[in-house]
Amino acid sequence: MVLVYLLIRAEHGKEGLVKTALSKYDEIKEIHEIFGRYDIIAKVQTEDAEKFKRFIKNKIRIIQGMKSTEPLFVSDDETS
């Protein structure tokens, strides 16, 4: 299982539109609007890295009002 926190920049005034579009996908487990360099953070879970790549390419990048994304992959190393 792959767990990723996705930092999202939306076009000005389109944050709500992007958040609504994201909420339609089962891969999105949580969504929060944030302040700072990014507008939204989403917790994403997929079966593997390849499915995450396809999810971003085929579903996320086409959302109207989406400006950019930055994925933060969660480490699975429990010894850290």
C-alpha atoms as a PDB file:
ATOM      1  CA  MET A   1       0.000   0.000   0.000  1.00  0.00           C
ATOM      2  CA  VAL A   2       1.259   3.484  -0.880  1.00  0.00           C
ATOM      3  CA  LEU A   3       0.367   6.465   1.298  1.00  0.00           C
ATOM      4  CA  VAL A   4       1.020   9.950  -0.065  1.00  0.00           C
ATOM      5  CA  TYR A   5       0.271  13.437   1.205  1.00  0.00           C
ATOM      6  CA  LEU A   6      -0.417  15.529  -1.863  1.00  0.00           C
ATOM      7  CA  LEU A   7       0.294  19.266  -1.616  1.00  0.00           C
ATOM      8  CA  ILE A   8      -1.850  21.158  -4.097  1.00  0.00           C
ATOM      9  CA  ARG A   9      -1.811  24.653  -5.542  1.00  0.00           C
ATOM     10  CA  ALA A  10      -5.079  25.810  -7.045  1.00  0.00           C
ATOM     11  CA  GLU A  11      -5.795  28.762  -9.278  1.00  0.00           C
ATOM     12  CA  HIS A  12      -6.892  31.832  -7.329  1.00  0.00           C
ATOM     13  CA  GLY A  13     -10.520  31.437  -6.278  1.00  0.00           C
ATOM     14  CA  LYS A  14     -10.736  27.808  -7.471  1.00  0.00           C
ATOM     15  CA  GLU A  15      -9.823  26.096  -4.162  1.00  0.00           C
ATOM     16  CA  GLY A  16     -13.418  25.018  -3.461  1.00  0.00           C
ATOM     17  CA  LEU A  17     -13.861  23.675  -6.985  1.00  0.00           C
ATOM     18  CA  VAL A  18     -10.666  21.623  -6.724  1.00  0.00           C
ATOM     19  CA  LYS A  19     -11.579  20.337  -3.246  1.00  0.00           C
ATOM     20  CA  THR A  20     -15.024  19.236  -4.459  1.00  0.00           C
ATOM     21  CA  ALA A  21     -13.520  17.439  -7.457  1.00  0.00           C
ATOM     22  CA  LEU A  22     -10.977  15.645  -5.243  1.00  0.00           C
ATOM     23  CA  SER A  23     -13.654  14.435  -2.845  1.00  0.00           C
ATOM     24  CA  LYS A  24     -15.198  12.267  -5.593  1.00  0.00           C
ATOM     25  CA  TYR A  25     -12.257   9.842  -5.690  1.00  0.00           C
ATOM     26  CA  ASP A  26     -11.992   6.794  -3.409  1.00  0.00           C
ATOM     27  CA  GLU A  27      -8.188   7.160  -3.369  1.00  0.00           C
ATOM     28  CA  ILE A  28      -8.547  10.442  -1.465  1.00  0.00           C
ATOM     29  CA  LYS A  29      -8.888   9.649   2.241  1.00  0.00           C
ATOM     30  CA  GLU A  30      -8.761  13.211   3.655  1.00  0.00           C
ATOM     31  CA  ILE A  31      -8.770  16.746   2.236  1.00  0.00           C
ATOM     32  CA  HIS A  32      -7.944  19.980   4.048  1.00  0.00           C
ATOM     33  CA  GLU A  33      -7.628  23.574   2.885  1.00  0.00           C
ATOM     34  CA  ILE A  34      -4.417  25.082   4.226  1.00  0.00           C
ATOM     35  CA  PHE A  35      -2.660  28.451   4.259  1.00  0.00           C
ATOM     36  CA  GLY A  36       0.841  29.039   2.979  1.00  0.00           C
ATOM     37  CA  ARG A  37       2.597  28.055  -0.226  1.00  0.00           C
ATOM     38  CA  TYR A  38      -0.069  25.429  -0.943  1.00  0.00           C
ATOM     39  CA  ASP A  39      -3.857  25.668  -0.836  1.00  0.00           C
ATOM     40  CA  ILE A  40      -4.911  22.063  -0.193  1.00  0.00           C
ATOM     41  CA  ILE A  41      -3.415  18.942   1.335  1.00  0.00           C
ATOM     42  CA  ALA A  42      -4.912  15.562   0.487  1.00  0.00           C
ATOM     43  CA  LYS A  43      -4.156  12.158   1.960  1.00  0.00           C
ATOM     44  CA  VAL A  44      -4.018   9.659  -0.920  1.00  0.00           C
ATOM     45  CA  GLN A  45      -3.837   5.875  -0.694  1.00  0.00           C
ATOM     46  CA  THR A  46      -3.300   3.488  -3.606  1.00  0.00           C
ATOM     47  CA  GLU A  47      -2.250  -0.145  -3.926  1.00  0.00           C
ATOM     48  CA  ASP A  48       1.164   0.652  -5.389  1.00  0.00           C
ATOM     49  CA  ALA A  49       3.296   3.414  -6.892  1.00  0.00           C
ATOM     50  CA  GLU A  50       2.203   2.626 -10.448  1.00  0.00           C
ATOM     51  CA  LYS A  51      -1.473   3.069  -9.531  1.00  0.00           C
ATOM     52  CA  PHE A  52      -0.605   6.342  -7.801  1.00  0.00           C
ATOM     53  CA  LYS A  53       1.155   7.540 -10.957  1.00  0.00           C
ATOM     54  CA  ARG A  54      -1.898   6.687 -13.093  1.00  0.00           C
ATOM     55  CA  PHE A  55      -4.226   8.324 -10.545  1.00  0.00           C
ATOM     56  CA  ILE A  56      -2.277  11.592 -10.727  1.00  0.00           C
ATOM     57  CA  LYS A  57      -1.947  11.521 -14.502  1.00  0.00           C
ATOM     58  CA  ASN A  58      -5.495  10.469 -15.384  1.00  0.00           C
ATOM     59  CA  LYS A  59      -7.608  12.022 -12.619  1.00  0.00           C
ATOM     60  CA  ILE A  60      -5.796  14.755 -10.695  1.00  0.00           C
ATOM     61  CA  ARG A  61      -3.990  16.711 -13.408  1.00  0.00           C
ATOM     62  CA  ILE A  62      -7.205  17.146 -15.402  1.00  0.00           C
ATOM     63  CA  ILE A  63      -9.152  18.838 -12.581  1.00  0.00           C
ATOM     64  CA  GLN A  64     -10.216  22.311 -13.623  1.00  0.00           C
ATOM     65  CA  GLY A  65      -8.531  24.919 -11.439  1.00  0.00           C
ATOM     66  CA  MET A  66      -5.600  22.646 -10.543  1.00  0.00           C
ATOM     67  CA  LYS A  67      -2.323  24.539 -10.781  1.00  0.00           C
ATOM     68  CA  SER A  68       0.320  22.139  -9.424  1.00  0.00           C
ATOM     69  CA  THR A  69       0.914  19.222  -7.077  1.00  0.00           C
ATOM     70  CA  GLU A  70       3.772  17.959  -4.935  1.00  0.00           C
ATOM     71  CA  PRO A  71       3.592  14.405  -3.601  1.00  0.00           C
ATOM     72  CA  LEU A  72       5.109  13.498  -0.230  1.00  0.00           C
ATOM     73  CA  PHE A  73       5.461   9.722   0.002  1.00  0.00           C
ATOM     74  CA  VAL A  74       5.154   8.298   3.504  1.00  0.00           C
ATOM     75  CA  SER A  75       8.036   6.059   4.525  1.00  0.00           C
ATOM     76  CA  ASP A  76       7.108   2.495   5.465  1.00  0.00           C
ATOM     77  CA  ASP A  77      10.236   2.079   7.565  1.00  0.00           C
ATOM     78  CA  GLU A  78       9.076   1.400  11.130  1.00  0.00           C
ATOM     79  CA  THR A  79      12.643   1.427  12.521  1.00  0.00           C
ATOM     80  CA  SER A  80      13.059   5.200  12.067  1.00  0.00           C
END
